Amino acid sequence: MIRRWKVLPPEVRKEIIRFAARGGSYRQILGRVDVSMGTVGRVLVPLGGVIRREELERPSSRLSIDDRCAIRLGLERGWSYARIGASLDRPRHASTICREVNKAGGREGYRPMDAHRLAGQRARRPKATKLGSNPQLRERVVQGLKRLWSPEQIAQQLRVEFGDDPAMTVSHETIYKSVYVQGRGELRRELARCLRTGRAQRKPQGRIERRGKIADMVPISERPAEVGDRAVPGHWEGDLIIGRGGDSAIGTLVERSTRFVLLLHLPDGRSAEAVRAAMTATIATLPAALVRSITWDQGKEMAQHRQFTIATDVAVYFCDPHSPWQRGSNENTNGLLRQYFPKGTDLSVHTAVDLQAVADSLNTRPRKTLGWMTPSEKLAELIASTG
């Protein structure tokens, strides 16, 4: 079947373009031409959405060639920018004249025709985006995304490396737009899968609590106050990420002060005994000063928390039901880990070596909350300070 927009009469198409070239919005065009909003978009989007005005009279808000000739005359007479602006047919502010002159050669090199031509070029649409016109910068951004860095981490690292060089810095919003917005092909759209969520929109989530109570739980309300402000190192948050069908899992521990990550290998499943054994072995590798407490949710995998505390002398505190923000660092880290271990996959295929490689990747990412230090650097700094 032939689509209607493909047989749009040429005169209607020209009418849409003509109204757009005069500055009309989509709704204003709909009031003049009997077409749908989608039809207007299909006509204008391939043209960049904004029509060039070379053949139309310039808007009164822009400087005309007569204005620019008057500016040149004022410069030759040594007038101030304020006096030149006041002398024009449509008086302009001194800052407008100053920007105009500085963009086109300065007081000594200003030429009216050259300035008018440059202004027309600058007004053309669509413009080349920063990532689209700078292959070196684009490649650095792509490399960062493939390393699973967030756009904000990439942008900050570029500022650290290149300082004030505007050609090699870019905002994180520009990176997001280049990945998500159709029609901006500087970054392949497939790179959206490298972002933490893997999608452009959030999904509402909800969960019904079906778990029973764990014996002798110590609630988070009894946790020492020093844990809350993150000033004292050694307090950890923990949880599991679950694989396909709930048959496999990986344990996660995150240190609150440094965001340093430890991953627990659970080849024998996620029973309370298996989790306790893995946590005990992992905690034993750390200096005593860096292991003071662990905060966990109310999952049954922590049913042997008393045995763990007896063996390690490390207290375990439990969050309130449906309160993931009480383990904010761990929740954030689990989201990052899903870039490496997607939901719905079998986690038992990953070896202890695989888990260590992933932990190393996360621990060498610069973090905004650490002043753009990495968790490994922050942990090393704490160990050095404690002797």
Protein backbone atom coordinates (compact mmCIF):
# COMPACT_ATOMS: atom_id res chain seq x y z
CA MET A 1 0.00 0.00 0.00
CA ILE A 2 1.32 3.46 -0.92
CA ARG A 3 1.90 5.75 2.04
CA ARG A 4 0.01 9.03 1.92
CA TRP A 5 3.07 11.19 2.62
CA LYS A 6 4.87 9.82 -0.43
CA VAL A 7 2.20 11.23 -2.75
CA LEU A 8 1.91 14.62 -1.04
CA PRO A 9 1.15 17.17 -3.78
CA PRO A 10 4.22 19.29 -4.64
CA GLU A 11 2.33 22.53 -4.11
CA VAL A 12 1.38 21.48 -0.55
CA ARG A 13 4.97 20.52 0.19
CA LYS A 14 6.19 23.91 -1.06
CA GLU A 15 3.57 25.68 1.04
CA ILE A 16 4.82 23.90 4.20
CA ILE A 17 8.43 24.83 3.42
CA ARG A 18 7.49 28.44 2.68
CA PHE A 19 5.70 28.90 6.02
CA ALA A 20 8.58 27.22 7.86
CA ALA A 21 11.09 29.51 6.13
CA ARG A 22 9.15 32.48 7.44
CA GLY A 23 9.62 31.23 10.99
CA GLY A 24 6.28 29.51 11.46
CA SER A 25 5.98 26.81 14.12
CA TYR A 26 4.48 23.40 13.41
CA ARG A 27 1.14 24.44 14.90
CA GLN A 28 1.09 27.67 12.91
CA ILE A 29 1.71 25.68 9.74
CA LEU A 30 -1.16 23.33 10.64
CA GLY A 31 -3.43 26.37 10.86
CA ARG A 32 -2.54 27.35 7.27
CA VAL A 33 -2.18 23.96 5.56
CA ASP A 34 -4.65 21.08 5.86
CA VAL A 35 -2.19 18.31 6.79
CA SER A 36 -1.31 16.31 9.92
CA MET A 37 1.48 17.07 12.38
CA GLY A 38 3.31 13.96 11.17
CA THR A 39 3.20 15.17 7.57
CA VAL A 40 4.76 18.50 8.54
CA GLY A 41 7.52 16.63 10.36
CA ARG A 42 8.19 14.33 7.42
CA VAL A 43 8.61 17.33 5.14
CA LEU A 44 10.81 19.41 7.44
CA VAL A 45 12.92 16.87 9.35
CA PRO A 46 14.94 15.76 6.28
CA LEU A 47 15.69 19.45 5.70
CA GLY A 48 17.09 19.81 9.21
CA GLY A 49 13.87 21.08 10.76
CA VAL A 50 14.90 24.70 10.13
CA ILE A 51 14.77 26.15 6.62
CA ARG A 52 17.56 28.35 5.33
CA ARG A 53 16.60 31.92 4.55
CA GLU A 54 19.12 32.97 1.89
CA GLU A 55 16.34 33.99 -0.50
CA LEU A 56 14.21 35.66 2.17
CA GLU A 57 14.58 39.02 3.81
CA ARG A 58 16.60 38.86 7.03
CA PRO A 59 14.62 39.36 10.25
CA SER A 60 14.70 42.85 11.70
CA SER A 61 16.47 41.48 14.78
CA ARG A 62 19.60 40.84 12.70
CA LEU A 63 22.08 43.38 11.43
CA SER A 64 21.60 44.33 7.78
CA ILE A 65 24.35 45.15 5.30
CA ASP A 66 23.52 48.85 5.78
CA ASP A 67 23.98 48.44 9.53
CA ARG A 68 27.37 46.84 9.01
CA CYS A 69 28.48 49.62 6.69
CA ALA A 70 27.49 52.14 9.37
CA ILE A 71 29.49 50.17 11.91
CA ARG A 72 32.56 50.36 9.68
CA LEU A 73 32.09 54.13 9.28
CA GLY A 74 31.83 54.57 13.04
CA LEU A 75 34.99 52.55 13.60
CA GLU A 76 36.90 54.72 11.13
CA ARG A 77 35.75 57.79 13.05
CA GLY A 78 36.95 56.29 16.33
CA TRP A 79 33.49 56.15 17.88
CA SER A 80 32.71 53.97 20.91
CA TYR A 81 30.54 50.88 20.50
CA ALA A 82 27.72 52.61 22.37
CA ARG A 83 27.78 55.60 20.02
CA ILE A 84 27.87 53.37 16.94
CA GLY A 85 24.88 51.37 18.21
CA ALA A 86 22.89 54.52 18.89
CA SER A 87 23.59 55.84 15.37
CA LEU A 88 21.96 52.90 13.55
CA ASP A 89 18.43 53.10 12.10
CA ARG A 90 17.45 50.51 14.68
CA PRO A 91 19.60 51.42 17.71
CA ARG A 92 21.62 48.54 19.12
CA HIS A 93 23.24 47.94 22.49
CA ALA A 94 27.00 48.43 22.77
CA SER A 95 27.47 44.72 23.56
CA THR A 96 25.81 43.78 20.24
CA ILE A 97 28.23 45.98 18.31
CA CYS A 98 31.18 44.69 20.33
CA ARG A 99 30.35 41.03 19.56
CA GLU A 100 29.79 41.84 15.89
CA VAL A 101 33.15 43.56 15.54
CA ASN A 102 35.11 40.94 17.49
CA LYS A 103 33.68 38.10 15.40
CA ALA A 104 34.73 39.74 12.13
CA GLY A 105 38.28 41.02 12.46
CA GLY A 106 38.21 43.52 15.32
CA ARG A 107 38.28 47.33 15.11
CA GLU A 108 41.15 47.37 12.61
CA GLY A 109 40.12 44.46 10.39
CA TYR A 110 36.33 44.78 10.26
CA ARG A 111 34.92 44.57 6.70
CA PRO A 112 31.13 44.94 6.20
CA MET A 113 30.70 42.47 3.31
CA ASP A 114 32.90 39.81 4.90
CA ALA A 115 31.04 40.22 8.19
CA HIS A 116 27.67 39.91 6.44
CA ARG A 117 28.78 36.74 4.65
CA LEU A 118 30.09 35.18 7.88
CA ALA A 119 26.84 35.97 9.67
CA GLY A 120 24.88 34.18 6.96
CA GLN A 121 27.10 31.12 7.27
CA ARG A 122 26.74 31.04 11.03
CA ALA A 123 22.95 31.24 10.74
CA ARG A 124 22.65 28.19 8.51
CA ARG A 125 21.02 25.01 9.83
CA PRO A 126 21.54 22.24 10.58
CA LYS A 127 24.91 22.89 12.16
CA ALA A 128 27.60 20.27 12.58
CA THR A 129 27.65 19.08 16.18
CA LYS A 130 30.83 19.11 18.24
CA LEU A 131 31.20 15.33 18.22
CA GLY A 132 30.32 15.20 14.55
CA SER A 133 33.04 17.66 13.54
CA ASN A 134 35.84 16.43 15.83
CA PRO A 135 36.87 12.81 15.08
CA GLN A 136 39.50 12.75 17.84
CA LEU A 137 37.02 13.84 20.51
CA ARG A 138 34.38 11.46 19.17
CA GLU A 139 36.80 8.53 19.37
CA ARG A 140 37.67 9.32 22.98
CA VAL A 141 33.98 9.38 23.90
CA VAL A 142 33.35 6.08 22.11
CA GLN A 143 36.28 4.47 23.93
CA GLY A 144 34.90 5.65 27.26
CA LEU A 145 31.43 4.25 26.51
CA LYS A 146 32.91 0.91 25.49
CA ARG A 147 34.70 0.81 28.85
CA LEU A 148 31.21 1.23 30.37
CA TRP A 149 32.01 4.65 31.82
CA SER A 150 29.07 6.98 32.31
CA PRO A 151 28.87 10.14 30.14
CA GLU A 152 29.60 12.27 33.21
CA GLN A 153 32.73 10.25 33.99
CA ILE A 154 33.88 10.62 30.39
CA ALA A 155 33.26 14.38 30.37
CA GLN A 156 35.10 14.91 33.64
CA GLN A 157 38.07 12.77 32.58
CA LEU A 158 38.41 14.84 29.40
CA ARG A 159 38.52 18.01 31.49
CA VAL A 160 41.19 16.52 33.74
CA GLU A 161 43.29 15.42 30.77
CA PHE A 162 42.88 18.38 28.43
CA GLY A 163 42.23 21.21 30.88
CA ASP A 164 40.71 24.27 29.27
CA ASP A 165 41.12 23.11 25.65
CA PRO A 166 37.57 23.62 24.31
CA ALA A 167 38.20 21.40 21.30
CA MET A 168 38.70 18.32 23.49
CA THR A 169 36.04 18.83 26.15
CA VAL A 170 32.35 18.08 25.95
CA SER A 171 29.45 18.06 28.40
CA HIS A 172 27.81 14.83 29.52
CA GLU A 173 24.48 16.13 28.20
CA THR A 174 25.97 16.36 24.70
CA ILE A 175 27.08 12.73 24.95
CA TYR A 176 23.63 11.61 26.07
CA LYS A 177 21.96 13.51 23.22
CA SER A 178 24.37 12.07 20.67
CA VAL A 179 23.52 8.56 21.82
CA TYR A 180 19.75 8.94 22.24
CA VAL A 181 18.51 11.54 19.77
CA GLN A 182 17.74 10.15 16.33
CA GLY A 183 19.28 12.10 13.47
CA ARG A 184 22.54 12.72 15.35
CA GLY A 185 24.65 9.89 14.04
CA GLU A 186 28.03 10.91 15.45
CA LEU A 187 27.85 8.02 17.92
CA ARG A 188 26.35 4.75 16.78
CA ARG A 189 22.95 4.24 18.38
CA GLU A 190 24.09 0.80 19.49
CA LEU A 191 26.31 2.55 22.04
CA ALA A 192 23.18 3.21 24.10
CA ARG A 193 23.58 -0.38 25.24
CA CYS A 194 26.86 0.65 26.91
CA LEU A 195 25.00 3.01 29.22
CA ARG A 196 24.16 1.72 32.65
CA THR A 197 20.43 1.26 31.98
CA GLY A 198 20.82 0.18 28.36
CA ARG A 199 17.74 2.23 27.49
CA ALA A 200 16.61 5.81 27.07
CA GLN A 201 13.70 5.71 29.51
CA ARG A 202 13.27 4.45 33.05
CA LYS A 203 10.77 1.76 33.89
CA PRO A 204 8.63 1.83 37.02
CA GLN A 205 9.47 -1.02 39.34
CA GLY A 206 7.66 -2.55 42.25
CA ARG A 207 7.97 -5.62 44.42
CA ILE A 208 5.79 -7.40 46.93
CA GLU A 209 7.58 -8.57 50.08
CA ARG A 210 7.25 -12.38 50.34
CA ARG A 211 10.23 -13.12 52.55
CA GLY A 212 9.93 -14.27 56.14
CA LYS A 213 11.81 -12.81 59.07
CA ILE A 214 15.42 -13.71 59.80
CA ALA A 215 16.12 -14.71 63.38
CA ASP A 216 17.96 -12.23 65.62
CA MET A 217 18.20 -9.47 63.02
CA VAL A 218 19.83 -6.24 64.22
CA PRO A 219 17.92 -3.37 62.55
CA ILE A 220 19.67 -0.52 60.79
CA SER A 221 18.32 1.87 63.42
CA GLU A 222 20.85 0.37 65.88
CA ARG A 223 23.78 0.89 63.56
CA PRO A 224 26.44 3.31 64.94
CA ALA A 225 26.02 6.94 63.90
CA GLU A 226 29.54 7.00 62.43
CA VAL A 227 28.33 4.78 59.58
CA GLY A 228 25.90 7.40 58.29
CA ASP A 229 28.34 10.18 57.48
CA ARG A 230 30.88 7.90 55.75
CA ALA A 231 33.71 9.61 57.63
CA VAL A 232 35.00 6.36 59.17
CA PRO A 233 36.12 3.69 56.66
CA GLY A 234 35.38 0.00 57.04
CA HIS A 235 31.58 -0.03 56.84
CA TRP A 236 30.24 -2.09 53.94
CA GLU A 237 26.93 -2.63 52.16
CA GLY A 238 26.07 -6.01 50.66
CA ASP A 239 23.54 -7.79 48.47
CA LEU A 240 23.19 -10.40 45.74
CA ILE A 241 22.53 -10.02 42.05
CA ILE A 242 20.47 -12.96 40.81
CA GLY A 243 20.82 -14.87 37.56
CA ARG A 244 18.30 -16.50 35.26
CA GLY A 245 15.55 -18.38 37.06
CA GLY A 246 17.03 -17.55 40.45
CA ASP A 247 19.44 -20.48 40.15
CA SER A 248 22.70 -18.52 40.27
CA ALA A 249 23.97 -15.42 42.01
CA ILE A 250 26.97 -13.17 42.67
CA GLY A 251 27.55 -11.50 46.02
CA THR A 252 28.44 -7.82 46.11
CA LEU A 253 30.13 -5.80 48.87
CA VAL A 254 30.73 -2.04 48.60
CA GLU A 255 32.74 0.02 51.10
CA ARG A 256 30.78 3.17 51.93
CA SER A 257 33.68 5.64 52.16
CA THR A 258 35.65 4.58 49.08
CA ARG A 259 32.97 2.76 46.99
CA PHE A 260 35.50 -0.07 46.64
CA VAL A 261 33.82 -3.23 45.32
CA LEU A 262 34.34 -6.88 46.27
CA LEU A 263 32.51 -9.66 44.43
CA LEU A 264 31.66 -13.00 46.05
CA HIS A 265 32.00 -16.11 43.89
CA LEU A 266 29.10 -18.48 44.66
CA PRO A 267 29.62 -21.59 42.50
CA ASP A 268 27.55 -23.74 44.89
CA GLY A 269 24.46 -21.55 44.86
CA ARG A 270 23.15 -18.79 47.09
CA SER A 271 22.25 -20.68 50.22
CA ALA A 272 22.88 -19.05 53.58
CA GLU A 273 25.81 -21.37 54.19
CA ALA A 274 27.43 -20.63 50.82
CA VAL A 275 27.06 -16.86 51.26
CA ARG A 276 28.44 -16.99 54.81
CA ALA A 277 31.48 -18.99 53.69
CA ALA A 278 32.22 -16.68 50.75
CA MET A 279 31.86 -13.54 52.87
CA THR A 280 34.08 -14.94 55.62
CA ALA A 281 36.84 -15.83 53.13
CA THR A 282 36.63 -12.45 51.40
CA ILE A 283 36.61 -10.37 54.57
CA ALA A 284 39.71 -12.22 55.79
CA THR A 285 41.72 -10.67 52.93
CA LEU A 286 41.20 -7.12 54.25
CA PRO A 287 42.98 -5.22 57.02
CA ALA A 288 41.02 -5.27 60.27
CA ALA A 289 40.70 -1.46 60.24
CA LEU A 290 38.76 -1.68 56.99
CA VAL A 291 36.11 -4.13 58.21
CA ARG A 292 33.80 -2.74 60.91
CA SER A 293 30.25 -3.57 59.82
CA ILE A 294 28.08 -4.81 56.96
CA THR A 295 24.59 -3.58 56.07
CA TRP A 296 22.40 -6.05 54.14
CA ASP A 297 18.79 -6.32 53.08
CA GLN A 298 16.43 -8.90 54.58
CA GLY A 299 17.24 -11.70 52.15
CA LYS A 300 17.27 -15.29 53.41
CA GLU A 301 20.85 -15.67 52.19
CA MET A 302 21.91 -13.90 55.41
CA ALA A 303 20.19 -16.37 57.72
CA GLN A 304 23.61 -17.37 59.12
CA HIS A 305 24.61 -13.82 60.02
CA ARG A 306 25.20 -14.78 63.67
CA GLN A 307 27.75 -17.44 62.69
CA PHE A 308 29.43 -14.91 60.41
CA THR A 309 29.71 -12.33 63.19
CA ILE A 310 31.12 -14.91 65.63
CA ALA A 311 33.77 -15.99 63.09
CA THR A 312 34.81 -12.49 61.96
CA ASP A 313 33.76 -10.15 64.78
CA VAL A 314 31.99 -8.02 62.14
CA ALA A 315 28.47 -6.83 62.96
CA VAL A 316 25.67 -7.25 60.41
CA TYR A 317 22.78 -4.75 60.27
CA PHE A 318 19.58 -5.23 58.28
CA CYS A 319 17.72 -2.58 56.27
CA ASP A 320 14.02 -1.92 56.64
CA PRO A 321 11.74 -3.70 54.13
CA HIS A 322 11.41 -1.99 50.74
CA SER A 323 14.11 0.57 51.59
CA PRO A 324 16.90 0.13 49.02
CA TRP A 325 18.09 3.71 49.60
CA GLN A 326 19.45 2.55 52.96
CA ARG A 327 22.08 0.70 50.91
CA GLY A 328 22.47 3.40 48.27
CA SER A 329 26.09 2.68 47.36
CA ASN A 330 25.38 -1.01 46.93
CA GLU A 331 22.25 -0.42 44.87
CA ASN A 332 24.16 1.91 42.57
CA THR A 333 26.96 -0.63 42.20
CA ASN A 334 24.53 -3.45 41.43
CA GLY A 335 23.13 -1.33 38.63
CA LEU A 336 26.63 -0.86 37.23
CA LEU A 337 27.30 -4.60 37.50
CA ARG A 338 24.33 -5.33 35.26
CA GLN A 339 26.39 -3.92 32.41
CA TYR A 340 28.68 -6.90 32.87
CA PHE A 341 26.12 -9.45 34.08
CA PRO A 342 22.83 -8.70 32.27
CA LYS A 343 19.55 -9.72 33.83
CA GLY A 344 18.17 -13.04 32.66
CA THR A 345 21.60 -14.62 32.13
CA ASP A 346 23.25 -17.58 33.88
CA LEU A 347 25.73 -16.15 36.39
CA SER A 348 27.25 -19.53 37.24
CA VAL A 349 29.32 -19.46 34.04
CA HIS A 350 31.54 -16.71 35.47
CA THR A 351 34.68 -17.84 37.27
CA ALA A 352 36.36 -16.18 40.24
CA VAL A 353 38.89 -14.74 37.79
CA ASP A 354 36.05 -13.21 35.75
CA LEU A 355 34.59 -11.61 38.87
CA GLN A 356 37.94 -10.16 39.86
CA ALA A 357 38.34 -8.60 36.40
CA VAL A 358 34.94 -6.94 36.70
CA ALA A 359 35.70 -5.68 40.20
CA ASP A 360 39.01 -4.25 38.95
CA SER A 361 37.14 -2.47 36.15
CA LEU A 362 34.74 -0.82 38.59
CA ASN A 363 37.46 0.01 41.09
CA THR A 364 39.49 1.86 38.48
CA ARG A 365 36.64 4.09 37.30
CA PRO A 366 36.87 7.75 38.38
CA ARG A 367 33.97 8.64 40.67
CA LYS A 368 32.40 12.06 41.06
CA THR A 369 31.64 11.46 44.73
CA LEU A 370 35.37 10.83 45.34
CA GLY A 371 36.49 14.04 43.66
CA TRP A 372 37.12 12.00 40.50
CA MET A 373 39.55 9.67 42.24
CA THR A 374 39.06 5.94 41.66
CA PRO A 375 37.93 3.61 44.47
CA SER A 376 41.30 1.83 44.29
CA GLU A 377 43.16 5.12 44.74
CA LYS A 378 40.93 6.12 47.65
CA LEU A 379 41.33 2.75 49.35
CA ALA A 380 45.11 2.89 48.94
CA GLU A 381 45.08 6.36 50.48
CA LEU A 382 43.14 5.06 53.50
CA ILE A 383 45.43 2.07 53.96
CA ALA A 384 48.49 4.34 53.84
CA SER A 385 46.97 6.68 56.42
CA THR A 386 46.24 3.80 58.82
CA GLY A 387 49.78 2.43 58.49
